[in-house]
Amino acid sequence: MTDERNFGPRFDEKGLLTAVCTDATTGELLMLAHMNAEALDLTLATKKATFWSRSRQALWVKGEISGNMLHLVEARVDCDQDAVWLKCRAEGPACHTGARSCFYRVIEDGHLSPVD
């Protein structure tokens, strides 16, 4: 039996785990991304949300170009330790489209409608 008090993230076969980011104050879902061990370590050390880009095969700090940083307030891990929940303070929109959240559309009858 594993010690419930020890943090031991379980990365997948590609060395990644899923990171869900929410607003620390409102609880609003902001974005979903992936982290490798280095991104996770940097996030915990710097308090700046850092991820692994699967398309670019590179680390990226959220907002390092746009200025729309996600500042870590609290990090939680799920029961299997294969996903993390980052509660963040958003400095500007979280989505690259300019929307506050990457989840700014609702699916209705096969169509996408913006969320108010």
PDB file of N, CA and C in Angstrom:
ATOM      1  N   MET A   1       0.840  -1.185   0.000  1.00  0.00           N
ATOM      2  CA  MET A   1       0.000   0.000   0.000  1.00  0.00           C
ATOM      3  C   MET A   1       0.885   1.250   0.000  1.00  0.00           C
ATOM      4  N   THR A   2       0.533   2.222  -0.832  1.00  0.00           N
ATOM      5  CA  THR A   2       1.334   3.443  -0.913  1.00  0.00           C
ATOM      6  C   THR A   2       0.987   4.390   0.226  1.00  0.00           C
ATOM      7  N   ASP A   3       1.941   5.212   0.565  1.00  0.00           N
ATOM      8  CA  ASP A   3       1.748   6.211   1.606  1.00  0.00           C
ATOM      9  C   ASP A   3       0.959   7.371   1.012  1.00  0.00           C
ATOM     10  N   GLU A   4      -0.226   7.623   1.516  1.00  0.00           N
ATOM     11  CA  GLU A   4      -1.125   8.664   1.009  1.00  0.00           C
ATOM     12  C   GLU A   4      -0.566  10.070   1.163  1.00  0.00           C
ATOM     13  N   ARG A   5       0.485  10.219   1.953  1.00  0.00           N
ATOM     14  CA  ARG A   5       1.041  11.549   2.211  1.00  0.00           C
ATOM     15  C   ARG A   5       2.149  11.924   1.237  1.00  0.00           C
ATOM     16  N   ASN A   6       2.637  10.984   0.459  1.00  0.00           N
ATOM     17  CA  ASN A   6       3.749  11.254  -0.443  1.00  0.00           C
ATOM     18  C   ASN A   6       3.271  11.560  -1.850  1.00  0.00           C
ATOM     19  N   PHE A   7       3.841  12.598  -2.420  1.00  0.00           N
ATOM     20  CA  PHE A   7       3.520  12.983  -3.790  1.00  0.00           C
ATOM     21  C   PHE A   7       4.397  12.181  -4.734  1.00  0.00           C
ATOM     22  N   GLY A   8       3.759  11.413  -5.604  1.00  0.00           N
ATOM     23  CA  GLY A   8       4.464  10.584  -6.581  1.00  0.00           C
ATOM     24  C   GLY A   8       3.688  10.554  -7.875  1.00  0.00           C
ATOM     25  N   PRO A   9       3.787  11.631  -8.675  1.00  0.00           N
ATOM     26  CA  PRO A   9       2.978  11.698  -9.898  1.00  0.00           C
ATOM     27  C   PRO A   9       3.238  10.512 -10.824  1.00  0.00           C
ATOM     28  N   ARG A  10       2.152  10.046 -11.451  1.00  0.00           N
ATOM     29  CA  ARG A  10       2.228   8.906 -12.375  1.00  0.00           C
ATOM     30  C   ARG A  10       2.027   9.416 -13.791  1.00  0.00           C
ATOM     31  N   PHE A  11       3.127   9.610 -14.485  1.00  0.00           N
ATOM     32  CA  PHE A  11       3.092  10.090 -15.864  1.00  0.00           C
ATOM     33  C   PHE A  11       2.725   8.945 -16.800  1.00  0.00           C
ATOM     34  N   ASP A  12       2.075   9.281 -17.927  1.00  0.00           N
ATOM     35  CA  ASP A  12       1.694   8.246 -18.886  1.00  0.00           C
ATOM     36  C   ASP A  12       2.910   7.774 -19.678  1.00  0.00           C
ATOM     37  N   GLU A  13       2.678   6.906 -20.662  1.00  0.00           N
ATOM     38  CA  GLU A  13       3.771   6.329 -21.447  1.00  0.00           C
ATOM     39  C   GLU A  13       4.554   7.379 -22.241  1.00  0.00           C
ATOM     40  N   LYS A  14       3.983   8.562 -22.428  1.00  0.00           N
ATOM     41  CA  LYS A  14       4.683   9.650 -23.116  1.00  0.00           C
ATOM     42  C   LYS A  14       5.325  10.620 -22.120  1.00  0.00           C
ATOM     43  N   GLY A  15       5.233  10.288 -20.840  1.00  0.00           N
ATOM     44  CA  GLY A  15       5.840  11.124 -19.814  1.00  0.00           C
ATOM     45  C   GLY A  15       5.005  12.336 -19.449  1.00  0.00           C
ATOM     46  N   LEU A  16       3.686  12.258 -19.664  1.00  0.00           N
ATOM     47  CA  LEU A  16       2.806  13.397 -19.426  1.00  0.00           C
ATOM     48  C   LEU A  16       1.709  13.082 -18.421  1.00  0.00           C
ATOM     49  N   LEU A  17       1.209  14.135 -17.799  1.00  0.00           N
ATOM     50  CA  LEU A  17      -0.031  14.025 -17.044  1.00  0.00           C
ATOM     51  C   LEU A  17      -0.909  15.212 -17.401  1.00  0.00           C
ATOM     52  N   THR A  18      -2.199  15.064 -17.183  1.00  0.00           N
ATOM     53  CA  THR A  18      -3.176  16.095 -17.525  1.00  0.00           C
ATOM     54  C   THR A  18      -3.228  17.139 -16.427  1.00  0.00           C
ATOM     55  N   ALA A  19      -3.298  18.401 -16.847  1.00  0.00           N
ATOM     56  CA  ALA A  19      -3.414  19.510 -15.899  1.00  0.00           C
ATOM     57  C   ALA A  19      -4.677  20.301 -16.224  1.00  0.00           C
ATOM     58  N   VAL A  20      -5.555  20.410 -15.244  1.00  0.00           N
ATOM     59  CA  VAL A  20      -6.776  21.189 -15.370  1.00  0.00           C
ATOM     60  C   VAL A  20      -6.561  22.475 -14.581  1.00  0.00           C
ATOM     61  N   CYS A  21      -6.843  23.613 -15.211  1.00  0.00           N
ATOM     62  CA  CYS A  21      -6.635  24.918 -14.564  1.00  0.00           C
ATOM     63  C   CYS A  21      -7.973  25.605 -14.344  1.00  0.00           C
ATOM     64  N   THR A  22      -8.186  26.052 -13.117  1.00  0.00           N
ATOM     65  CA  THR A  22      -9.392  26.796 -12.789  1.00  0.00           C
ATOM     66  C   THR A  22      -9.008  28.114 -12.121  1.00  0.00           C
ATOM     67  N   ASP A  23      -9.954  29.047 -12.112  1.00  0.00           N
ATOM     68  CA  ASP A  23      -9.763  30.310 -11.421  1.00  0.00           C
ATOM     69  C   ASP A  23      -9.838  30.032  -9.916  1.00  0.00           C
ATOM     70  N   ALA A  24      -8.845  30.458  -9.179  1.00  0.00           N
ATOM     71  CA  ALA A  24      -8.773  30.173  -7.745  1.00  0.00           C
ATOM     72  C   ALA A  24      -9.902  30.811  -6.954  1.00  0.00           C
ATOM     73  N   THR A  25     -10.448  31.905  -7.456  1.00  0.00           N
ATOM     74  CA  THR A  25     -11.516  32.602  -6.734  1.00  0.00           C
ATOM     75  C   THR A  25     -12.898  32.115  -7.134  1.00  0.00           C
ATOM     76  N   THR A  26     -13.166  32.042  -8.438  1.00  0.00           N
ATOM     77  CA  THR A  26     -14.512  31.713  -8.915  1.00  0.00           C
ATOM     78  C   THR A  26     -14.728  30.234  -9.177  1.00  0.00           C
ATOM     79  N   GLY A  27     -13.646  29.482  -9.375  1.00  0.00           N
ATOM     80  CA  GLY A  27     -13.764  28.071  -9.720  1.00  0.00           C
ATOM     81  C   GLY A  27     -13.993  27.827 -11.200  1.00  0.00           C
ATOM     82  N   GLU A  28     -14.065  28.894 -11.992  1.00  0.00           N
ATOM     83  CA  GLU A  28     -14.303  28.748 -13.427  1.00  0.00           C
ATOM     84  C   GLU A  28     -13.195  27.922 -14.077  1.00  0.00           C
ATOM     85  N   LEU A  29     -13.591  26.984 -14.935  1.00  0.00           N
ATOM     86  CA  LEU A  29     -12.633  26.182 -15.689  1.00  0.00           C
ATOM     87  C   LEU A  29     -11.972  27.081 -16.734  1.00  0.00           C
ATOM     88  N   LEU A  30     -10.649  27.179 -16.696  1.00  0.00           N
ATOM     89  CA  LEU A  30      -9.935  28.062 -17.610  1.00  0.00           C
ATOM     90  C   LEU A  30      -9.323  27.321 -18.789  1.00  0.00           C
ATOM     91  N   MET A  31      -8.628  26.237 -18.523  1.00  0.00           N
ATOM     92  CA  MET A  31      -7.976  25.509 -19.610  1.00  0.00           C
ATOM     93  C   MET A  31      -7.554  24.125 -19.156  1.00  0.00           C
ATOM     94  N   LEU A  32      -7.184  23.314 -20.121  1.00  0.00           N
ATOM     95  CA  LEU A  32      -6.657  21.980 -19.890  1.00  0.00           C
ATOM     96  C   LEU A  32      -5.388  21.869 -20.713  1.00  0.00           C
ATOM     97  N   ALA A  33      -4.346  21.313 -20.145  1.00  0.00           N
ATOM     98  CA  ALA A  33      -3.085  21.158 -20.861  1.00  0.00           C
ATOM     99  C   ALA A  33      -2.376  19.921 -20.316  1.00  0.00           C
ATOM    100  N   HIS A  34      -1.145  19.726 -20.746  1.00  0.00           N
ATOM    101  CA  HIS A  34      -0.364  18.573 -20.296  1.00  0.00           C
ATOM    102  C   HIS A  34       0.962  19.047 -19.713  1.00  0.00           C
ATOM    103  N   MET A  35       1.472  18.256 -18.788  1.00  0.00           N
ATOM    104  CA  MET A  35       2.741  18.578 -18.135  1.00  0.00           C
ATOM    105  C   MET A  35       3.642  17.352 -18.145  1.00  0.00           C
ATOM    106  N   ASN A  36       4.927  17.603 -18.392  1.00  0.00           N
ATOM    107  CA  ASN A  36       5.902  16.556 -18.137  1.00  0.00           C
ATOM    108  C   ASN A  36       6.506  16.854 -16.763  1.00  0.00           C
ATOM    109  N   ALA A  37       7.465  16.066 -16.324  1.00  0.00           N
ATOM    110  CA  ALA A  37       8.027  16.251 -14.983  1.00  0.00           C
ATOM    111  C   ALA A  37       8.664  17.631 -14.824  1.00  0.00           C
ATOM    112  N   GLU A  38       9.358  18.105 -15.859  1.00  0.00           N
ATOM    113  CA  GLU A  38      10.006  19.412 -15.763  1.00  0.00           C
ATOM    114  C   GLU A  38       8.976  20.535 -15.654  1.00  0.00           C
ATOM    115  N   ALA A  39       7.903  20.464 -16.430  1.00  0.00           N
ATOM    116  CA  ALA A  39       6.849  21.486 -16.372  1.00  0.00           C
ATOM    117  C   ALA A  39       6.197  21.502 -14.992  1.00  0.00           C
ATOM    118  N   LEU A  40       5.945  20.330 -14.444  1.00  0.00           N
ATOM    119  CA  LEU A  40       5.349  20.246 -13.113  1.00  0.00           C
ATOM    120  C   LEU A  40       6.288  20.839 -12.067  1.00  0.00           C
ATOM    121  N   ASP A  41       7.555  20.459 -12.123  1.00  0.00           N
ATOM    122  CA  ASP A  41       8.534  20.983 -11.164  1.00  0.00           C
ATOM    123  C   ASP A  41       8.646  22.501 -11.260  1.00  0.00           C
ATOM    124  N   LEU A  42       8.698  23.034 -12.498  1.00  0.00           N
ATOM    125  CA  LEU A  42       8.801  24.480 -12.688  1.00  0.00           C
ATOM    126  C   LEU A  42       7.564  25.201 -12.165  1.00  0.00           C
ATOM    127  N   THR A  43       6.391  24.630 -12.427  1.00  0.00           N
ATOM    128  CA  THR A  43       5.146  25.233 -11.947  1.00  0.00           C
ATOM    129  C   THR A  43       5.139  25.329 -10.434  1.00  0.00           C
ATOM    130  N   LEU A  44       5.511  24.255  -9.773  1.00  0.00           N
ATOM    131  CA  LEU A  44       5.512  24.238  -8.315  1.00  0.00           C
ATOM    132  C   LEU A  44       6.581  25.175  -7.739  1.00  0.00           C
ATOM    133  N   ALA A  45       7.720  25.293  -8.421  1.00  0.00           N
ATOM    134  CA  ALA A  45       8.818  26.131  -7.927  1.00  0.00           C
ATOM    135  C   ALA A  45       8.600  27.617  -8.189  1.00  0.00           C
ATOM    136  N   THR A  46       8.093  27.956  -9.397  1.00  0.00           N
ATOM    137  CA  THR A  46       7.979  29.368  -9.795  1.00  0.00           C
ATOM    138  C   THR A  46       6.604  29.950  -9.555  1.00  0.00           C
ATOM    139  N   LYS A  47       5.608  29.079  -9.357  1.00  0.00           N
ATOM    140  CA  LYS A  47       4.200  29.480  -9.211  1.00  0.00           C
ATOM    141  C   LYS A  47       3.642  30.074 -10.504  1.00  0.00           C
ATOM    142  N   LYS A  48       4.305  29.814 -11.640  1.00  0.00           N
ATOM    143  CA  LYS A  48       3.810  30.213 -12.965  1.00  0.00           C
ATOM    144  C   LYS A  48       3.459  28.931 -13.714  1.00  0.00           C
ATOM    145  N   ALA A  49       2.220  28.828 -14.174  1.00  0.00           N
ATOM    146  CA  ALA A  49       1.767  27.616 -14.859  1.00  0.00           C
ATOM    147  C   ALA A  49       2.625  27.360 -16.092  1.00  0.00           C
ATOM    148  N   THR A  50       3.272  26.212 -16.096  1.00  0.00           N
ATOM    149  CA  THR A  50       4.176  25.811 -17.171  1.00  0.00           C
ATOM    150  C   THR A  50       3.717  24.451 -17.686  1.00  0.00           C
ATOM    151  N   PHE A  51       3.705  24.299 -18.994  1.00  0.00           N
ATOM    152  CA  PHE A  51       3.168  23.089 -19.609  1.00  0.00           C
ATOM    153  C   PHE A  51       4.122  22.524 -20.647  1.00  0.00           C
ATOM    154  N   TRP A  52       3.771  21.337 -21.145  1.00  0.00           N
ATOM    155  CA  TRP A  52       4.501  20.712 -22.240  1.00  0.00           C
ATOM    156  C   TRP A  52       3.612  20.785 -23.471  1.00  0.00           C
ATOM    157  N   SER A  53       4.112  21.414 -24.518  1.00  0.00           N
ATOM    158  CA  SER A  53       3.376  21.498 -25.774  1.00  0.00           C
ATOM    159  C   SER A  53       3.616  20.227 -26.572  1.00  0.00           C
ATOM    160  N   ARG A  54       2.565  19.452 -26.767  1.00  0.00           N
ATOM    161  CA  ARG A  54       2.693  18.215 -27.548  1.00  0.00           C
ATOM    162  C   ARG A  54       2.954  18.514 -29.012  1.00  0.00           C
ATOM    163  N   SER A  55       2.422  19.626 -29.532  1.00  0.00           N
ATOM    164  CA  SER A  55       2.623  19.950 -30.946  1.00  0.00           C
ATOM    165  C   SER A  55       4.030  20.492 -31.214  1.00  0.00           C
ATOM    166  N   ARG A  56       4.544  21.320 -30.293  1.00  0.00           N
ATOM    167  CA  ARG A  56       5.884  21.908 -30.490  1.00  0.00           C
ATOM    168  C   ARG A  56       6.985  21.078 -29.837  1.00  0.00           C
ATOM    169  N   GLN A  57       6.583  20.115 -28.995  1.00  0.00           N
ATOM    170  CA  GLN A  57       7.548  19.306 -28.248  1.00  0.00           C
ATOM    171  C   GLN A  57       8.499  20.201 -27.452  1.00  0.00           C
ATOM    172  N   ALA A  58       7.898  21.122 -26.711  1.00  0.00           N
ATOM    173  CA  ALA A  58       8.690  22.084 -25.945  1.00  0.00           C
ATOM    174  C   ALA A  58       7.900  22.556 -24.727  1.00  0.00           C
ATOM    175  N   LEU A  59       8.630  23.024 -23.726  1.00  0.00           N
ATOM    176  CA  LEU A  59       8.003  23.643 -22.557  1.00  0.00           C
ATOM    177  C   LEU A  59       7.449  25.000 -22.939  1.00  0.00           C
ATOM    178  N   TRP A  60       6.362  25.410 -22.306  1.00  0.00           N
ATOM    179  CA  TRP A  60       5.869  26.779 -22.472  1.00  0.00           C
ATOM    180  C   TRP A  60       5.239  27.260 -21.177  1.00  0.00           C
ATOM    181  N   VAL A  61       5.590  28.473 -20.831  1.00  0.00           N
ATOM    182  CA  VAL A  61       5.023  29.134 -19.670  1.00  0.00           C
ATOM    183  C   VAL A  61       3.796  29.890 -20.157  1.00  0.00           C
ATOM    184  N   LYS A  62       2.642  29.582 -19.601  1.00  0.00           N
ATOM    185  CA  LYS A  62       1.412  30.246 -20.017  1.00  0.00           C
ATOM    186  C   LYS A  62       1.564  31.752 -19.837  1.00  0.00           C
ATOM    187  N   GLY A  63       1.427  32.495 -20.935  1.00  0.00           N
ATOM    188  CA  GLY A  63       1.475  33.945 -20.891  1.00  0.00           C
ATOM    189  C   GLY A  63       2.844  34.559 -21.072  1.00  0.00           C
ATOM    190  N   GLU A  64       3.887  33.738 -21.316  1.00  0.00           N
ATOM    191  CA  GLU A  64       5.220  34.327 -21.438  1.00  0.00           C
ATOM    192  C   GLU A  64       5.334  35.245 -22.647  1.00  0.00           C
ATOM    193  N   ILE A  65       4.507  35.048 -23.667  1.00  0.00           N
ATOM    194  CA  ILE A  65       4.508  35.935 -24.841  1.00  0.00           C
ATOM    195  C   ILE A  65       3.380  36.957 -24.736  1.00  0.00           C
ATOM    196  N   SER A  66       2.182  36.505 -24.393  1.00  0.00           N
ATOM    197  CA  SER A  66       1.006  37.390 -24.352  1.00  0.00           C
ATOM    198  C   SER A  66       0.927  38.237 -23.088  1.00  0.00           C
ATOM    199  N   GLY A  67       1.577  37.801 -22.033  1.00  0.00           N
ATOM    200  CA  GLY A  67       1.448  38.473 -20.745  1.00  0.00           C
ATOM    201  C   GLY A  67       0.283  37.954 -19.923  1.00  0.00           C
ATOM    202  N   ASN A  68      -0.503  37.034 -20.470  1.00  0.00           N
ATOM    203  CA  ASN A  68      -1.675  36.480 -19.794  1.00  0.00           C
ATOM    204  C   ASN A  68      -1.271  35.268 -18.941  1.00  0.00           C
ATOM    205  N   MET A  69      -0.542  35.550 -17.889  1.00  0.00           N
ATOM    206  CA  MET A  69       0.004  34.506 -17.024  1.00  0.00           C
ATOM    207  C   MET A  69      -1.091  33.841 -16.183  1.00  0.00           C
ATOM    208  N   LEU A  70      -0.808  32.622 -15.802  1.00  0.00           N
ATOM    209  CA  LEU A  70      -1.611  31.921 -14.804  1.00  0.00           C
ATOM    210  C   LEU A  70      -0.704  31.708 -13.601  1.00  0.00           C
ATOM    211  N   HIS A  71      -1.018  32.375 -12.494  1.00  0.00           N
ATOM    212  CA  HIS A  71      -0.217  32.295 -11.276  1.00  0.00           C
ATOM    213  C   HIS A  71      -0.812  31.236 -10.355  1.00  0.00           C
ATOM    214  N   LEU A  72      -0.013  30.264 -10.003  1.00  0.00           N
ATOM    215  CA  LEU A  72      -0.464  29.155  -9.179  1.00  0.00           C
ATOM    216  C   LEU A  72      -0.774  29.609  -7.759  1.00  0.00           C
ATOM    217  N   VAL A  73      -1.970  29.276  -7.302  1.00  0.00           N
ATOM    218  CA  VAL A  73      -2.387  29.532  -5.920  1.00  0.00           C
ATOM    219  C   VAL A  73      -2.338  28.222  -5.131  1.00  0.00           C
ATOM    220  N   GLU A  74      -2.817  27.144  -5.764  1.00  0.00           N
ATOM    221  CA  GLU A  74      -2.834  25.834  -5.109  1.00  0.00           C
ATOM    222  C   GLU A  74      -2.778  24.752  -6.162  1.00  0.00           C
ATOM    223  N   ALA A  75      -2.051  23.679  -5.857  1.00  0.00           N
ATOM    224  CA  ALA A  75      -1.979  22.520  -6.753  1.00  0.00           C
ATOM    225  C   ALA A  75      -2.519  21.306  -6.008  1.00  0.00           C
ATOM    226  N   ARG A  76      -3.424  20.591  -6.671  1.00  0.00           N
ATOM    227  CA  ARG A  76      -3.966  19.349  -6.118  1.00  0.00           C
ATOM    228  C   ARG A  76      -3.699  18.224  -7.104  1.00  0.00           C
ATOM    229  N   VAL A  77      -3.692  17.013  -6.598  1.00  0.00           N
ATOM    230  CA  VAL A  77      -3.503  15.837  -7.438  1.00  0.00           C
ATOM    231  C   VAL A  77      -4.688  14.901  -7.209  1.00  0.00           C
ATOM    232  N   ASP A  78      -5.075  14.160  -8.259  1.00  0.00           N
ATOM    233  CA  ASP A  78      -6.194  13.228  -8.102  1.00  0.00           C
ATOM    234  C   ASP A  78      -5.738  11.963  -7.373  1.00  0.00           C
ATOM    235  N   CYS A  79      -6.690  11.082  -7.101  1.00  0.00           N
ATOM    236  CA  CYS A  79      -6.428   9.890  -6.292  1.00  0.00           C
ATOM    237  C   CYS A  79      -5.378   8.969  -6.901  1.00  0.00           C
ATOM    238  N   ASP A  80      -5.285   8.907  -8.227  1.00  0.00           N
ATOM    239  CA  ASP A  80      -4.303   8.060  -8.904  1.00  0.00           C
ATOM    240  C   ASP A  80      -2.979   8.767  -9.152  1.00  0.00           C
ATOM    241  N   GLN A  81      -2.929  10.057  -8.869  1.00  0.00           N
ATOM    242  CA  GLN A  81      -1.768  10.906  -9.093  1.00  0.00           C
ATOM    243  C   GLN A  81      -1.343  10.937 -10.567  1.00  0.00           C
ATOM    244  N   ASP A  82      -2.351  10.847 -11.461  1.00  0.00           N
ATOM    245  CA  ASP A  82      -2.041  10.960 -12.894  1.00  0.00           C
ATOM    246  C   ASP A  82      -2.663  12.204 -13.522  1.00  0.00           C
ATOM    247  N   ALA A  83      -3.203  13.092 -12.691  1.00  0.00           N
ATOM    248  CA  ALA A  83      -3.759  14.367 -13.156  1.00  0.00           C
ATOM    249  C   ALA A  83      -3.615  15.384 -12.032  1.00  0.00           C
ATOM    250  N   VAL A  84      -3.381  16.639 -12.433  1.00  0.00           N
ATOM    251  CA  VAL A  84      -3.282  17.705 -11.443  1.00  0.00           C
ATOM    252  C   VAL A  84      -4.333  18.768 -11.714  1.00  0.00           C
ATOM    253  N   TRP A  85      -4.737  19.411 -10.642  1.00  0.00           N
ATOM    254  CA  TRP A  85      -5.694  20.520 -10.691  1.00  0.00           C
ATOM    255  C   TRP A  85      -4.950  21.739 -10.195  1.00  0.00           C
ATOM    256  N   LEU A  86      -4.801  22.720 -11.067  1.00  0.00           N
ATOM    257  CA  LEU A  86      -4.114  23.950 -10.716  1.00  0.00           C
ATOM    258  C   LEU A  86      -5.140  25.051 -10.494  1.00  0.00           C
ATOM    259  N   LYS A  87      -5.208  25.549  -9.273  1.00  0.00           N
ATOM    260  CA  LYS A  87      -6.059  26.693  -8.982  1.00  0.00           C
ATOM    261  C   LYS A  87      -5.176  27.920  -9.172  1.00  0.00           C
ATOM    262  N   CYS A  88      -5.584  28.780 -10.080  1.00  0.00           N
ATOM    263  CA  CYS A  88      -4.714  29.880 -10.506  1.00  0.00           C
ATOM    264  C   CYS A  88      -5.394  31.235 -10.421  1.00  0.00           C
ATOM    265  N   ARG A  89      -4.559  32.249 -10.363  1.00  0.00           N
ATOM    266  CA  ARG A  89      -5.006  33.630 -10.519  1.00  0.00           C
ATOM    267  C   ARG A  89      -4.627  34.021 -11.940  1.00  0.00           C
ATOM    268  N   ALA A  90      -5.642  34.270 -12.749  1.00  0.00           N
ATOM    269  CA  ALA A  90      -5.424  34.586 -14.162  1.00  0.00           C
ATOM    270  C   ALA A  90      -5.111  36.064 -14.341  1.00  0.00           C
ATOM    271  N   GLU A  91      -4.080  36.324 -15.094  1.00  0.00           N
ATOM    272  CA  GLU A  91      -3.699  37.688 -15.446  1.00  0.00           C
ATOM    273  C   GLU A  91      -4.074  37.877 -16.914  1.00  0.00           C
ATOM    274  N   GLY A  92      -5.355  38.172 -17.156  1.00  0.00           N
ATOM    275  CA  GLY A  92      -5.851  38.269 -18.524  1.00  0.00           C
ATOM    276  C   GLY A  92      -6.539  36.987 -18.945  1.00  0.00           C
ATOM    277  N   PRO A  93      -6.952  36.921 -20.215  1.00  0.00           N
ATOM    278  CA  PRO A  93      -7.661  35.738 -20.698  1.00  0.00           C
ATOM    279  C   PRO A  93      -6.767  34.503 -20.713  1.00  0.00           C
ATOM    280  N   ALA A  94      -7.353  33.351 -20.445  1.00  0.00           N
ATOM    281  CA  ALA A  94      -6.600  32.095 -20.452  1.00  0.00           C
ATOM    282  C   ALA A  94      -6.484  31.507 -21.853  1.00  0.00           C
ATOM    283  N   CYS A  95      -7.436  31.803 -22.725  1.00  0.00           N
ATOM    284  CA  CYS A  95      -7.459  31.205 -24.066  1.00  0.00           C
ATOM    285  C   CYS A  95      -6.691  32.057 -25.070  1.00  0.00           C
ATOM    286  N   HIS A  96      -6.017  31.381 -25.994  1.00  0.00           N
ATOM    287  CA  HIS A  96      -5.264  32.093 -27.026  1.00  0.00           C
ATOM    288  C   HIS A  96      -6.185  32.872 -27.976  1.00  0.00           C
ATOM    289  N   THR A  97      -7.500  32.590 -27.932  1.00  0.00           N
ATOM    290  CA  THR A  97      -8.458  33.314 -28.784  1.00  0.00           C
ATOM    291  C   THR A  97      -8.838  34.661 -28.180  1.00  0.00           C
ATOM    292  N   GLY A  98      -8.441  34.874 -26.920  1.00  0.00           N
ATOM    293  CA  GLY A  98      -8.820  36.086 -26.213  1.00  0.00           C
ATOM    294  C   GLY A  98      -9.993  35.885 -25.268  1.00  0.00           C
ATOM    295  N   ALA A  99     -10.586  34.697 -25.301  1.00  0.00           N
ATOM    296  CA  ALA A  99     -11.682  34.384 -24.379  1.00  0.00           C
ATOM    297  C   ALA A  99     -11.120  34.137 -22.982  1.00  0.00           C
ATOM    298  N   ARG A 100     -11.897  34.444 -21.974  1.00  0.00           N
ATOM    299  CA  ARG A 100     -11.446  34.253 -20.594  1.00  0.00           C
ATOM    300  C   ARG A 100     -11.091  32.788 -20.335  1.00  0.00           C
ATOM    301  N   SER A 101     -11.886  31.871 -20.878  1.00  0.00           N
ATOM    302  CA  SER A 101     -11.689  30.436 -20.713  1.00  0.00           C
ATOM    303  C   SER A 101     -11.581  29.777 -22.075  1.00  0.00           C
ATOM    304  N   CYS A 102     -10.821  28.706 -22.158  1.00  0.00           N
ATOM    305  CA  CYS A 102     -10.763  27.931 -23.405  1.00  0.00           C
ATOM    306  C   CYS A 102     -12.097  27.229 -23.663  1.00  0.00           C
ATOM    307  N   PHE A 103     -12.928  27.125 -22.631  1.00  0.00           N
ATOM    308  CA  PHE A 103     -14.228  26.463 -22.736  1.00  0.00           C
ATOM    309  C   PHE A 103     -15.323  27.518 -22.863  1.00  0.00           C
ATOM    310  N   TYR A 104     -15.249  28.301 -23.934  1.00  0.00           N
ATOM    311  CA  TYR A 104     -16.159  29.441 -24.124  1.00  0.00           C
ATOM    312  C   TYR A 104     -17.326  29.135 -25.053  1.00  0.00           C
ATOM    313  N   ARG A 105     -17.458  27.870 -25.484  1.00  0.00           N
ATOM    314  CA  ARG A 105     -18.563  27.490 -26.364  1.00  0.00           C
ATOM    315  C   ARG A 105     -19.325  26.300 -25.785  1.00  0.00           C
ATOM    316  N   VAL A 106     -20.625  26.296 -26.032  1.00  0.00           N
ATOM    317  CA  VAL A 106     -21.476  25.188 -25.611  1.00  0.00           C
ATOM    318  C   VAL A 106     -21.898  24.435 -26.874  1.00  0.00           C
ATOM    319  N   ILE A 107     -22.027  23.114 -26.754  1.00  0.00           N
ATOM    320  CA  ILE A 107     -22.454  22.281 -27.880  1.00  0.00           C
ATOM    321  C   ILE A 107     -23.962  22.118 -27.790  1.00  0.00           C
ATOM    322  N   GLU A 108     -24.679  22.539 -28.820  1.00  0.00           N
ATOM    323  CA  GLU A 108     -26.133  22.424 -28.876  1.00  0.00           C
ATOM    324  C   GLU A 108     -26.552  21.906 -30.245  1.00  0.00           C
ATOM    325  N   ASP A 109     -27.146  20.732 -30.250  1.00  0.00           N
ATOM    326  CA  ASP A 109     -27.630  20.127 -31.489  1.00  0.00           C
ATOM    327  C   ASP A 109     -26.569  20.103 -32.588  1.00  0.00           C
ATOM    328  N   GLY A 110     -25.350  19.767 -32.215  1.00  0.00           N
ATOM    329  CA  GLY A 110     -24.277  19.648 -33.197  1.00  0.00           C
ATOM    330  C   GLY A 110     -23.652  20.970 -33.612  1.00  0.00           C
ATOM    331  N   HIS A 111     -24.036  22.057 -32.967  1.00  0.00           N
ATOM    332  CA  HIS A 111     -23.492  23.372 -33.289  1.00  0.00           C
ATOM    333  C   HIS A 111     -22.833  23.973 -32.037  1.00  0.00           C
ATOM    334  N   LEU A 112     -21.918  24.878 -32.283  1.00  0.00           N
ATOM    335  CA  LEU A 112     -21.236  25.551 -31.179  1.00  0.00           C
ATOM    336  C   LEU A 112     -21.799  26.955 -31.010  1.00  0.00           C
ATOM    337  N   SER A 113     -22.124  27.293 -29.790  1.00  0.00           N
ATOM    338  CA  SER A 113     -22.631  28.627 -29.472  1.00  0.00           C
ATOM    339  C   SER A 113     -21.764  29.211 -28.364  1.00  0.00           C
ATOM    340  N   PRO A 114     -21.391  30.499 -28.483  1.00  0.00           N
ATOM    341  CA  PRO A 114     -20.598  31.116 -27.424  1.00  0.00           C
ATOM    342  C   PRO A 114     -21.365  31.181 -26.113  1.00  0.00           C
ATOM    343  N   VAL A 115     -20.623  31.004 -25.020  1.00  0.00           N
ATOM    344  CA  VAL A 115     -21.192  31.134 -23.692  1.00  0.00           C
ATOM    345  C   VAL A 115     -21.205  32.618 -23.352  1.00  0.00           C
ATOM    346  N   ASP A 116     -22.286  33.076 -22.758  1.00  0.00           N
ATOM    347  CA  ASP A 116     -22.352  34.485 -22.366  1.00  0.00           C
ATOM    348  C   ASP A 116     -21.447  34.801 -21.215  1.00  0.00           C
TER     349      ASP A 116
END
